[in-house]
Every structure is written in structure tokens, then in C-alpha cells.
PDB file of N, CA and C in Angstrom:
ATOM      1  N   MET A   1      -4.045  -9.233 -16.733  1.00  0.00           N
ATOM      2  CA  MET A   1      -3.495  -8.907 -15.433  1.00  0.00           C
ATOM      3  C   MET A   1      -4.536  -8.099 -14.660  1.00  0.00           C
ATOM      4  N   THR A   2      -4.625  -8.338 -13.385  1.00  0.00           N
ATOM      5  CA  THR A   2      -5.562  -7.625 -12.539  1.00  0.00           C
ATOM      6  C   THR A   2      -4.797  -6.852 -11.472  1.00  0.00           C
ATOM      7  N   ILE A   3      -5.362  -5.739 -11.037  1.00  0.00           N
ATOM      8  CA  ILE A   3      -4.720  -4.968  -9.983  1.00  0.00           C
ATOM      9  C   ILE A   3      -5.625  -4.894  -8.762  1.00  0.00           C
ATOM     10  N   ASP A   4      -6.352  -5.978  -8.539  1.00  0.00           N
ATOM     11  CA  ASP A   4      -7.297  -6.039  -7.427  1.00  0.00           C
ATOM     12  C   ASP A   4      -6.651  -5.781  -6.070  1.00  0.00           C
ATOM     13  N   PHE A   5      -5.417  -6.153  -5.909  1.00  0.00           N
ATOM     14  CA  PHE A   5      -4.773  -6.040  -4.608  1.00  0.00           C
ATOM     15  C   PHE A   5      -3.903  -4.794  -4.475  1.00  0.00           C
ATOM     16  N   PHE A   6      -3.927  -3.928  -5.478  1.00  0.00           N
ATOM     17  CA  PHE A   6      -3.101  -2.721  -5.442  1.00  0.00           C
ATOM     18  C   PHE A   6      -3.361  -1.911  -4.173  1.00  0.00           C
ATOM     19  N   GLY A   7      -4.610  -1.647  -3.870  1.00  0.00           N
ATOM     20  CA  GLY A   7      -4.950  -0.827  -2.710  1.00  0.00           C
ATOM     21  C   GLY A   7      -4.480  -1.432  -1.402  1.00  0.00           C
ATOM     22  N   GLU A   8      -4.688  -2.734  -1.247  1.00  0.00           N
ATOM     23  CA  GLU A   8      -4.257  -3.408  -0.022  1.00  0.00           C
ATOM     24  C   GLU A   8      -2.740  -3.362   0.125  1.00  0.00           C
ATOM     25  N   LYS A   9      -2.044  -3.602  -0.980  1.00  0.00           N
ATOM     26  CA  LYS A   9      -0.585  -3.586  -0.915  1.00  0.00           C
ATOM     27  C   LYS A   9      -0.074  -2.172  -0.674  1.00  0.00           C
ATOM     28  N   LEU A  10      -0.697  -1.191  -1.316  1.00  0.00           N
ATOM     29  CA  LEU A  10      -0.299   0.197  -1.097  1.00  0.00           C
ATOM     30  C   LEU A  10      -0.448   0.569   0.373  1.00  0.00           C
ATOM     31  N   LYS A  11      -1.585   0.224   0.947  1.00  0.00           N
ATOM     32  CA  LYS A  11      -1.828   0.552   2.349  1.00  0.00           C
ATOM     33  C   LYS A  11      -0.822  -0.140   3.265  1.00  0.00           C
ATOM     34  N   ALA A  12      -0.571  -1.417   3.024  1.00  0.00           N
ATOM     35  CA  ALA A  12       0.359  -2.164   3.876  1.00  0.00           C
ATOM     36  C   ALA A  12       1.771  -1.597   3.801  1.00  0.00           C
ATOM     37  N   VAL A  13       2.219  -1.260   2.591  1.00  0.00           N
ATOM     38  CA  VAL A  13       3.572  -0.717   2.453  1.00  0.00           C
ATOM     39  C   VAL A  13       3.630   0.680   3.078  1.00  0.00           C
ATOM     40  N   ARG A  14       2.587   1.490   2.851  1.00  0.00           N
ATOM     41  CA  ARG A  14       2.555   2.829   3.449  1.00  0.00           C
ATOM     42  C   ARG A  14       2.672   2.738   4.964  1.00  0.00           C
ATOM     43  N   LYS A  15       1.885   1.841   5.557  1.00  0.00           N
ATOM     44  CA  LYS A  15       1.915   1.691   7.013  1.00  0.00           C
ATOM     45  C   LYS A  15       3.255   1.148   7.499  1.00  0.00           C
ATOM     46  N   SER A  16       3.863   0.261   6.727  1.00  0.00           N
ATOM     47  CA  SER A  16       5.166  -0.279   7.135  1.00  0.00           C
ATOM     48  C   SER A  16       6.235   0.808   7.137  1.00  0.00           C
ATOM     49  N   LYS A  17       6.005   1.866   6.372  1.00  0.00           N
ATOM     50  CA  LYS A  17       6.927   3.002   6.330  1.00  0.00           C
ATOM     51  C   LYS A  17       6.535   4.080   7.343  1.00  0.00           C
ATOM     52  N   HIS A  18       5.517   3.784   8.148  1.00  0.00           N
ATOM     53  CA  HIS A  18       5.042   4.685   9.196  1.00  0.00           C
ATOM     54  C   HIS A  18       4.566   6.027   8.636  1.00  0.00           C
ATOM     55  N   LEU A  19       3.889   5.972   7.498  1.00  0.00           N
ATOM     56  CA  LEU A  19       3.320   7.170   6.895  1.00  0.00           C
ATOM     57  C   LEU A  19       1.803   7.123   7.021  1.00  0.00           C
ATOM     58  N   THR A  20       1.206   8.265   7.316  1.00  0.00           N
ATOM     59  CA  THR A  20      -0.250   8.364   7.299  1.00  0.00           C
ATOM     60  C   THR A  20      -0.688   8.648   5.862  1.00  0.00           C
ATOM     61  N   GLN A  21      -1.982   8.508   5.621  1.00  0.00           N
ATOM     62  CA  GLN A  21      -2.494   8.864   4.298  1.00  0.00           C
ATOM     63  C   GLN A  21      -2.211  10.338   4.007  1.00  0.00           C
ATOM     64  N   LEU A  22      -2.353  11.176   5.014  1.00  0.00           N
ATOM     65  CA  LEU A  22      -2.115  12.605   4.837  1.00  0.00           C
ATOM     66  C   LEU A  22      -0.659  12.885   4.477  1.00  0.00           C
ATOM     67  N   GLU A  23       0.260  12.229   5.174  1.00  0.00           N
ATOM     68  CA  GLU A  23       1.682  12.437   4.881  1.00  0.00           C
ATOM     69  C   GLU A  23       2.023  11.996   3.458  1.00  0.00           C
ATOM     70  N   LEU A  24       1.501  10.836   3.058  1.00  0.00           N
ATOM     71  CA  LEU A  24       1.755  10.363   1.694  1.00  0.00           C
ATOM     72  C   LEU A  24       1.115  11.298   0.680  1.00  0.00           C
ATOM     73  N   SER A  25      -0.090  11.756   0.954  1.00  0.00           N
ATOM     74  CA  SER A  25      -0.770  12.645   0.011  1.00  0.00           C
ATOM     75  C   SER A  25       0.015  13.939  -0.201  1.00  0.00           C
ATOM     76  N   LYS A  26       0.576  14.479   0.867  1.00  0.00           N
ATOM     77  CA  LYS A  26       1.381  15.705   0.747  1.00  0.00           C
ATOM     78  C   LYS A  26       2.618  15.467  -0.113  1.00  0.00           C
ATOM     79  N   ARG A  27       3.255  14.332   0.080  1.00  0.00           N
ATOM     80  CA  ARG A  27       4.457  14.025  -0.699  1.00  0.00           C
ATOM     81  C   ARG A  27       4.133  13.768  -2.166  1.00  0.00           C
ATOM     82  N   LEU A  28       2.906  13.276  -2.418  1.00  0.00           N
ATOM     83  CA  LEU A  28       2.479  13.020  -3.796  1.00  0.00           C
ATOM     84  C   LEU A  28       1.837  14.241  -4.439  1.00  0.00           C
ATOM     85  N   ASP A  29       1.538  15.250  -3.610  1.00  0.00           N
ATOM     86  CA  ASP A  29       0.839  16.453  -4.073  1.00  0.00           C
ATOM     87  C   ASP A  29      -0.565  16.108  -4.584  1.00  0.00           C
ATOM     88  N   VAL A  30      -1.257  15.259  -3.814  1.00  0.00           N
ATOM     89  CA  VAL A  30      -2.662  14.921  -4.068  1.00  0.00           C
ATOM     90  C   VAL A  30      -3.405  15.050  -2.743  1.00  0.00           C
ATOM     91  N   SER A  31      -4.710  14.935  -2.777  1.00  0.00           N
ATOM     92  CA  SER A  31      -5.484  15.034  -1.537  1.00  0.00           C
ATOM     93  C   SER A  31      -5.426  13.724  -0.749  1.00  0.00           C
ATOM     94  N   LYS A  32      -5.719  13.830   0.542  1.00  0.00           N
ATOM     95  CA  LYS A  32      -5.798  12.638   1.393  1.00  0.00           C
ATOM     96  C   LYS A  32      -6.890  11.714   0.868  1.00  0.00           C
ATOM     97  N   GLY A  33      -7.991  12.284   0.387  1.00  0.00           N
ATOM     98  CA  GLY A  33      -9.081  11.491  -0.170  1.00  0.00           C
ATOM     99  C   GLY A  33      -8.655  10.691  -1.388  1.00  0.00           C
ATOM    100  N   THR A  34      -7.732  11.246  -2.154  1.00  0.00           N
ATOM    101  CA  THR A  34      -7.223  10.533  -3.332  1.00  0.00           C
ATOM    102  C   THR A  34      -6.439   9.304  -2.897  1.00  0.00           C
ATOM    103  N   VAL A  35      -5.589   9.448  -1.889  1.00  0.00           N
ATOM    104  CA  VAL A  35      -4.828   8.298  -1.374  1.00  0.00           C
ATOM    105  C   VAL A  35      -5.795   7.265  -0.813  1.00  0.00           C
ATOM    106  N   SER A  36      -6.810   7.722  -0.096  1.00  0.00           N
ATOM    107  CA  SER A  36      -7.819   6.814   0.450  1.00  0.00           C
ATOM    108  C   SER A  36      -8.514   6.047  -0.675  1.00  0.00           C
ATOM    109  N   ALA A  37      -8.846   6.747  -1.755  1.00  0.00           N
ATOM    110  CA  ALA A  37      -9.505   6.090  -2.898  1.00  0.00           C
ATOM    111  C   ALA A  37      -8.592   5.051  -3.539  1.00  0.00           C
ATOM    112  N   TYR A  38      -7.289   5.349  -3.619  1.00  0.00           N
ATOM    113  CA  TYR A  38      -6.340   4.364  -4.151  1.00  0.00           C
ATOM    114  C   TYR A  38      -6.361   3.117  -3.281  1.00  0.00           C
ATOM    115  N   GLU A  39      -6.316   3.316  -1.964  1.00  0.00           N
ATOM    116  CA  GLU A  39      -6.233   2.184  -1.041  1.00  0.00           C
ATOM    117  C   GLU A  39      -7.529   1.374  -1.005  1.00  0.00           C
ATOM    118  N   GLN A  40      -8.639   2.002  -1.297  1.00  0.00           N
ATOM    119  CA  GLN A  40      -9.920   1.297  -1.321  1.00  0.00           C
ATOM    120  C   GLN A  40     -10.223   0.682  -2.686  1.00  0.00           C
ATOM    121  N   GLY A  41      -9.355   0.927  -3.647  1.00  0.00           N
ATOM    122  CA  GLY A  41      -9.568   0.392  -4.988  1.00  0.00           C
ATOM    123  C   GLY A  41     -10.644   1.136  -5.766  1.00  0.00           C
ATOM    124  N   LEU A  42     -10.970   2.353  -5.346  1.00  0.00           N
ATOM    125  CA  LEU A  42     -11.994   3.147  -6.020  1.00  0.00           C
ATOM    126  C   LEU A  42     -11.427   3.900  -7.220  1.00  0.00           C
ATOM    127  N   SER A  43     -10.133   4.173  -7.180  1.00  0.00           N
ATOM    128  CA  SER A  43      -9.455   4.804  -8.311  1.00  0.00           C
ATOM    129  C   SER A  43      -7.995   4.386  -8.275  1.00  0.00           C
ATOM    130  N   TYR A  44      -7.310   4.698  -9.357  1.00  0.00           N
ATOM    131  CA  TYR A  44      -5.906   4.325  -9.482  1.00  0.00           C
ATOM    132  C   TYR A  44      -5.099   5.540  -9.896  1.00  0.00           C
ATOM    133  N   PRO A  45      -3.848   5.599  -9.476  1.00  0.00           N
ATOM    134  CA  PRO A  45      -3.026   6.764  -9.797  1.00  0.00           C
ATOM    135  C   PRO A  45      -2.635   6.811 -11.271  1.00  0.00           C
ATOM    136  N   SER A  46      -2.315   8.008 -11.716  1.00  0.00           N
ATOM    137  CA  SER A  46      -1.736   8.161 -13.046  1.00  0.00           C
ATOM    138  C   SER A  46      -0.372   7.481 -13.036  1.00  0.00           C
ATOM    139  N   LEU A  47       0.180   7.267 -14.190  1.00  0.00           N
ATOM    140  CA  LEU A  47       1.498   6.638 -14.277  1.00  0.00           C
ATOM    141  C   LEU A  47       2.543   7.488 -13.556  1.00  0.00           C
ATOM    142  N   GLU A  48       2.471   8.797 -13.727  1.00  0.00           N
ATOM    143  CA  GLU A  48       3.414   9.697 -13.056  1.00  0.00           C
ATOM    144  C   GLU A  48       3.305   9.572 -11.532  1.00  0.00           C
ATOM    145  N   THR A  49       2.083   9.559 -11.020  1.00  0.00           N
ATOM    146  CA  THR A  49       1.875   9.430  -9.578  1.00  0.00           C
ATOM    147  C   THR A  49       2.289   8.047  -9.093  1.00  0.00           C
ATOM    148  N   PHE A  50       2.023   7.033  -9.896  1.00  0.00           N
ATOM    149  CA  PHE A  50       2.415   5.669  -9.534  1.00  0.00           C
ATOM    150  C   PHE A  50       3.934   5.569  -9.354  1.00  0.00           C
ATOM    151  N   VAL A  51       4.684   6.181 -10.249  1.00  0.00           N
ATOM    152  CA  VAL A  51       6.145   6.179 -10.142  1.00  0.00           C
ATOM    153  C   VAL A  51       6.569   6.891  -8.858  1.00  0.00           C
ATOM    154  N   LYS A  52       5.913   8.004  -8.531  1.00  0.00           N
ATOM    155  CA  LYS A  52       6.219   8.718  -7.289  1.00  0.00           C
ATOM    156  C   LYS A  52       5.945   7.836  -6.075  1.00  0.00           C
ATOM    157  N   ILE A  53       4.830   7.110  -6.107  1.00  0.00           N
ATOM    158  CA  ILE A  53       4.486   6.204  -4.998  1.00  0.00           C
ATOM    159  C   ILE A  53       5.599   5.187  -4.794  1.00  0.00           C
ATOM    160  N   CYS A  54       6.051   4.584  -5.868  1.00  0.00           N
ATOM    161  CA  CYS A  54       7.119   3.578  -5.772  1.00  0.00           C
ATOM    162  C   CYS A  54       8.384   4.182  -5.185  1.00  0.00           C
ATOM    163  N   ARG A  55       8.717   5.386  -5.598  1.00  0.00           N
ATOM    164  CA  ARG A  55       9.936   6.040  -5.094  1.00  0.00           C
ATOM    165  C   ARG A  55       9.795   6.414  -3.623  1.00  0.00           C
ATOM    166  N   ILE A  56       8.676   7.029  -3.271  1.00  0.00           N
ATOM    167  CA  ILE A  56       8.469   7.472  -1.899  1.00  0.00           C
ATOM    168  C   ILE A  56       8.457   6.296  -0.935  1.00  0.00           C
ATOM    169  N   LEU A  57       7.773   5.221  -1.331  1.00  0.00           N
ATOM    170  CA  LEU A  57       7.655   4.055  -0.455  1.00  0.00           C
ATOM    171  C   LEU A  57       8.814   3.074  -0.616  1.00  0.00           C
ATOM    172  N   ASP A  58       9.719   3.376  -1.541  1.00  0.00           N
ATOM    173  CA  ASP A  58      10.872   2.517  -1.791  1.00  0.00           C
ATOM    174  C   ASP A  58      10.431   1.075  -2.025  1.00  0.00           C
ATOM    175  N   THR A  59       9.482   0.940  -2.939  1.00  0.00           N
ATOM    176  CA  THR A  59       8.969  -0.382  -3.279  1.00  0.00           C
ATOM    177  C   THR A  59       8.891  -0.509  -4.793  1.00  0.00           C
ATOM    178  N   SER A  60       8.715  -1.710  -5.277  1.00  0.00           N
ATOM    179  CA  SER A  60       8.699  -1.932  -6.723  1.00  0.00           C
ATOM    180  C   SER A  60       7.288  -1.868  -7.282  1.00  0.00           C
ATOM    181  N   ALA A  61       7.207  -1.461  -8.525  1.00  0.00           N
ATOM    182  CA  ALA A  61       5.932  -1.474  -9.243  1.00  0.00           C
ATOM    183  C   ALA A  61       5.413  -2.910  -9.332  1.00  0.00           C
ATOM    184  N   ASP A  62       6.316  -3.862  -9.539  1.00  0.00           N
ATOM    185  CA  ASP A  62       5.919  -5.271  -9.634  1.00  0.00           C
ATOM    186  C   ASP A  62       5.186  -5.722  -8.375  1.00  0.00           C
ATOM    187  N   TYR A  63       5.668  -5.298  -7.218  1.00  0.00           N
ATOM    188  CA  TYR A  63       5.024  -5.702  -5.976  1.00  0.00           C
ATOM    189  C   TYR A  63       3.634  -5.076  -5.862  1.00  0.00           C
ATOM    190  N   LEU A  64       3.534  -3.774  -6.092  1.00  0.00           N
ATOM    191  CA  LEU A  64       2.237  -3.102  -5.954  1.00  0.00           C
ATOM    192  C   LEU A  64       1.210  -3.597  -6.964  1.00  0.00           C
ATOM    193  N   LEU A  65       1.679  -4.026  -8.145  1.00  0.00           N
ATOM    194  CA  LEU A  65       0.767  -4.512  -9.183  1.00  0.00           C
ATOM    195  C   LEU A  65       0.552  -6.021  -9.124  1.00  0.00           C
ATOM    196  N   SER A  66       1.102  -6.665  -8.116  1.00  0.00           N
ATOM    197  CA  SER A  66       0.971  -8.118  -7.921  1.00  0.00           C
ATOM    198  C   SER A  66       1.631  -8.935  -9.029  1.00  0.00           C
ATOM    199  N   VAL A  67       2.596  -8.341  -9.724  1.00  0.00           N
ATOM    200  CA  VAL A  67       3.380  -9.107 -10.689  1.00  0.00           C
ATOM    201  C   VAL A  67       4.320 -10.020  -9.914  1.00  0.00           C
ATOM    202  N   SER A  68       4.764  -9.528  -8.749  1.00  0.00           N
ATOM    203  CA  SER A  68       5.652 -10.272  -7.871  1.00  0.00           C
ATOM    204  C   SER A  68       5.159 -10.107  -6.446  1.00  0.00           C
ATOM    205  N   ASP A  69       5.313 -11.132  -5.654  1.00  0.00           N
ATOM    206  CA  ASP A  69       4.956 -11.041  -4.240  1.00  0.00           C
ATOM    207  C   ASP A  69       6.180 -10.805  -3.369  1.00  0.00           C
ATOM    208  N   THR A  70       7.300 -10.519  -3.989  1.00  0.00           N
ATOM    209  CA  THR A  70       8.534 -10.291  -3.262  1.00  0.00           C
ATOM    210  C   THR A  70       8.634  -8.824  -2.876  1.00  0.00           C
ATOM    211  N   LEU A  71       8.725  -8.576  -1.574  1.00  0.00           N
ATOM    212  CA  LEU A  71       8.916  -7.207  -1.106  1.00  0.00           C
ATOM    213  C   LEU A  71      10.355  -6.795  -1.383  1.00  0.00           C
ATOM    214  N   PRO A  72      10.567  -5.584  -1.898  1.00  0.00           N
ATOM    215  CA  PRO A  72      11.915  -5.165  -2.238  1.00  0.00           C
ATOM    216  C   PRO A  72      12.687  -4.576  -1.055  1.00  0.00           C
ATOM    217  N   PHE A  73      12.215  -4.797   0.152  1.00  0.00           N
ATOM    218  CA  PHE A  73      12.909  -4.278   1.322  1.00  0.00           C
ATOM    219  C   PHE A  73      12.737  -5.257   2.463  1.00  0.00           C
ATOM    220  N   LYS A  74      13.631  -5.172   3.426  1.00  0.00           N
ATOM    221  CA  LYS A  74      13.544  -6.016   4.614  1.00  0.00           C
ATOM    222  C   LYS A  74      12.968  -5.191   5.746  1.00  0.00           C
ATOM    223  N   MET A  75      12.091  -5.783   6.494  1.00  0.00           N
ATOM    224  CA  MET A  75      11.419  -5.076   7.582  1.00  0.00           C
ATOM    225  C   MET A  75      11.923  -5.609   8.913  1.00  0.00           C
ATOM    226  N   GLY A  76      12.917  -4.952   9.466  1.00  0.00           N
ATOM    227  CA  GLY A  76      13.404  -5.285  10.792  1.00  0.00           C
ATOM    228  C   GLY A  76      13.955  -6.686  10.936  1.00  0.00           C
ATOM    229  N   GLY A  77      14.504  -7.249   9.892  1.00  0.00           N
ATOM    230  CA  GLY A  77      15.101  -8.571   9.972  1.00  0.00           C
ATOM    231  C   GLY A  77      14.099  -9.706  10.030  1.00  0.00           C
ATOM    232  N   LEU A  78      12.855  -9.439   9.647  1.00  0.00           N
ATOM    233  CA  LEU A  78      11.830 -10.480   9.658  1.00  0.00           C
ATOM    234  C   LEU A  78      12.042 -11.433   8.490  1.00  0.00           C
ATOM    235  N   THR A  79      11.627 -12.675   8.676  1.00  0.00           N
ATOM    236  CA  THR A  79      11.668 -13.632   7.581  1.00  0.00           C
ATOM    237  C   THR A  79      10.548 -13.310   6.606  1.00  0.00           C
ATOM    238  N   ASP A  80      10.618 -13.868   5.404  1.00  0.00           N
ATOM    239  CA  ASP A  80       9.564 -13.653   4.409  1.00  0.00           C
ATOM    240  C   ASP A  80       8.204 -14.096   4.939  1.00  0.00           C
ATOM    241  N   GLU A  81       8.192 -15.202   5.668  1.00  0.00           N
ATOM    242  CA  GLU A  81       6.933 -15.711   6.222  1.00  0.00           C
ATOM    243  C   GLU A  81       6.364 -14.745   7.267  1.00  0.00           C
ATOM    244  N   GLN A  82       7.239 -14.177   8.091  1.00  0.00           N
ATOM    245  CA  GLN A  82       6.791 -13.221   9.105  1.00  0.00           C
ATOM    246  C   GLN A  82       6.262 -11.939   8.463  1.00  0.00           C
ATOM    247  N   VAL A  83       6.928 -11.469   7.414  1.00  0.00           N
ATOM    248  CA  VAL A  83       6.461 -10.266   6.700  1.00  0.00           C
ATOM    249  C   VAL A  83       5.095 -10.535   6.087  1.00  0.00           C
ATOM    250  N   GLU A  84       4.939 -11.668   5.446  1.00  0.00           N
ATOM    251  CA  GLU A  84       3.648 -12.012   4.830  1.00  0.00           C
ATOM    252  C   GLU A  84       2.555 -12.103   5.882  1.00  0.00           C
ATOM    253  N   SER A  85       2.852 -12.722   7.005  1.00  0.00           N
ATOM    254  CA  SER A  85       1.876 -12.800   8.094  1.00  0.00           C
ATOM    255  C   SER A  85       1.503 -11.415   8.602  1.00  0.00           C
ATOM    256  N   MET A  86       2.493 -10.542   8.728  1.00  0.00           N
ATOM    257  CA  MET A  86       2.233  -9.182   9.187  1.00  0.00           C
ATOM    258  C   MET A  86       1.343  -8.431   8.202  1.00  0.00           C
ATOM    259  N   LEU A  87       1.631  -8.538   6.913  1.00  0.00           N
ATOM    260  CA  LEU A  87       0.818  -7.854   5.905  1.00  0.00           C
ATOM    261  C   LEU A  87      -0.608  -8.402   5.881  1.00  0.00           C
ATOM    262  N   GLN A  88      -0.757  -9.705   6.037  1.00  0.00           N
ATOM    263  CA  GLN A  88      -2.098 -10.295   6.095  1.00  0.00           C
ATOM    264  C   GLN A  88      -2.843  -9.812   7.332  1.00  0.00           C
ATOM    265  N   PHE A  89      -2.157  -9.709   8.447  1.00  0.00           N
ATOM    266  CA  PHE A  89      -2.766  -9.235   9.683  1.00  0.00           C
ATOM    267  C   PHE A  89      -3.233  -7.789   9.528  1.00  0.00           C
ATOM    268  N   ILE A  90      -2.401  -6.939   8.935  1.00  0.00           N
ATOM    269  CA  ILE A  90      -2.784  -5.543   8.695  1.00  0.00           C
ATOM    270  C   ILE A  90      -4.026  -5.489   7.810  1.00  0.00           C
ATOM    271  N   SER A  91      -4.044  -6.294   6.784  1.00  0.00           N
ATOM    272  CA  SER A  91      -5.192  -6.330   5.880  1.00  0.00           C
ATOM    273  C   SER A  91      -6.463  -6.761   6.608  1.00  0.00           C
ATOM    274  N   LEU A  92      -6.361  -7.762   7.468  1.00  0.00           N
ATOM    275  CA  LEU A  92      -7.523  -8.215   8.243  1.00  0.00           C
ATOM    276  C   LEU A  92      -8.045  -7.126   9.177  1.00  0.00           C
ATOM    277  N   ILE A  93      -7.152  -6.429   9.825  1.00  0.00           N
ATOM    278  CA  ILE A  93      -7.553  -5.347  10.721  1.00  0.00           C
ATOM    279  C   ILE A  93      -8.272  -4.254   9.941  1.00  0.00           C
ATOM    280  N   GLU A  94      -7.727  -3.894   8.791  1.00  0.00           N
ATOM    281  CA  GLU A  94      -8.354  -2.854   7.977  1.00  0.00           C
ATOM    282  C   GLU A  94      -9.738  -3.284   7.504  1.00  0.00           C
ATOM    283  N   ARG A  95      -9.887  -4.524   7.106  1.00  0.00           N
ATOM    284  CA  ARG A  95     -11.218  -5.020   6.686  1.00  0.00           C
ATOM    285  C   ARG A  95     -12.190  -4.977   7.859  1.00  0.00           C
ATOM    286  N   ALA A  96     -11.719  -5.367   9.034  1.00  0.00           N
ATOM    287  CA  ALA A  96     -12.595  -5.315  10.226  1.00  0.00           C
ATOM    288  C   ALA A  96     -12.986  -3.882  10.546  1.00  0.00           C
ATOM    289  N   ASN A  97     -12.051  -2.960  10.430  1.00  0.00           N
ATOM    290  CA  ASN A  97     -12.353  -1.556  10.682  1.00  0.00           C
ATOM    291  C   ASN A  97     -13.381  -1.021   9.697  1.00  0.00           C
ATOM    292  N   ARG A  98     -13.264  -1.414   8.425  1.00  0.00           N
ATOM    293  CA  ARG A  98     -14.258  -0.968   7.435  1.00  0.00           C
ATOM    294  C   ARG A  98     -15.638  -1.516   7.767  1.00  0.00           C
ATOM    295  N   THR A  99     -15.687  -2.767   8.230  1.00  0.00           N
ATOM    296  CA  THR A  99     -16.957  -3.387   8.591  1.00  0.00           C
ATOM    297  C   THR A  99     -17.575  -2.656   9.776  1.00  0.00           C
ATOM    298  N   ILE A 100     -16.768  -2.333  10.760  1.00  0.00           N
ATOM    299  CA  ILE A 100     -17.244  -1.620  11.949  1.00  0.00           C
ATOM    300  C   ILE A 100     -17.736  -0.230  11.566  1.00  0.00           C
ATOM    301  N   ASP A 101     -17.018   0.440  10.682  1.00  0.00           N
ATOM    302  CA  ASP A 101     -17.389   1.804  10.277  1.00  0.00           C
ATOM    303  C   ASP A 101     -18.690   1.842   9.474  1.00  0.00           C
ATOM    304  N   GLN A 102     -19.044   0.740   8.865  1.00  0.00           N
ATOM    305  CA  GLN A 102     -20.270   0.709   8.062  1.00  0.00           C
ATOM    306  C   GLN A 102     -21.410   0.427   8.943  1.00  0.00           C
TER     307      GLN A 102
END
């Protein structure tokens, strides 16, 4: 099993909940840089922190670990296809921003 997409999924779910990295970091009791590293795939949370992430974001471990592509929540009555398109769009924007920042 690979967790290559953990960071992208974490970022997309965090943003869908209207949380900044700083807000999530405070709720997790970690630094903003730690959340940033999780989202960039540079490091991964401990099991305890991972459970907190799932609870805070109201999402499943299966989704964040790519065991399942089913989101455990509905986003404003969107269809599954619309949610997937939105998450892909967010991911594309973030990749473009990283390219611009470099």
C-alpha cells in the first residue's frame, strides 16, 4: 500500500472544511510547518495525530490513506463527480502555486 496521495487528500479535505494550516495545527497541537510537511508528503503524522486529523476533519482514515476514494461527507449537495472535479481542481491550483513559488 502506498500513501503517495495522503498530503493532497489532507490538504483538499482541510480546505473543504475552511481551515487554514495554522488553524489545523493549533487543533492538532503541532506547528504550522508540521501540517505543511504532511501536505507536501515530506513527513507523516504519528498514529495518534492521524486519528486526531480524522476526527477534526470528520473524514475517514480509508479516504486519507487512499484505501477508499469515497468521501465520508457531502459537500453542499454536490454529486460525487462534482466533488471529485473540485478536489482535482484544488490539487491543480496547489501544484501551480508550488511551481510559481519555485
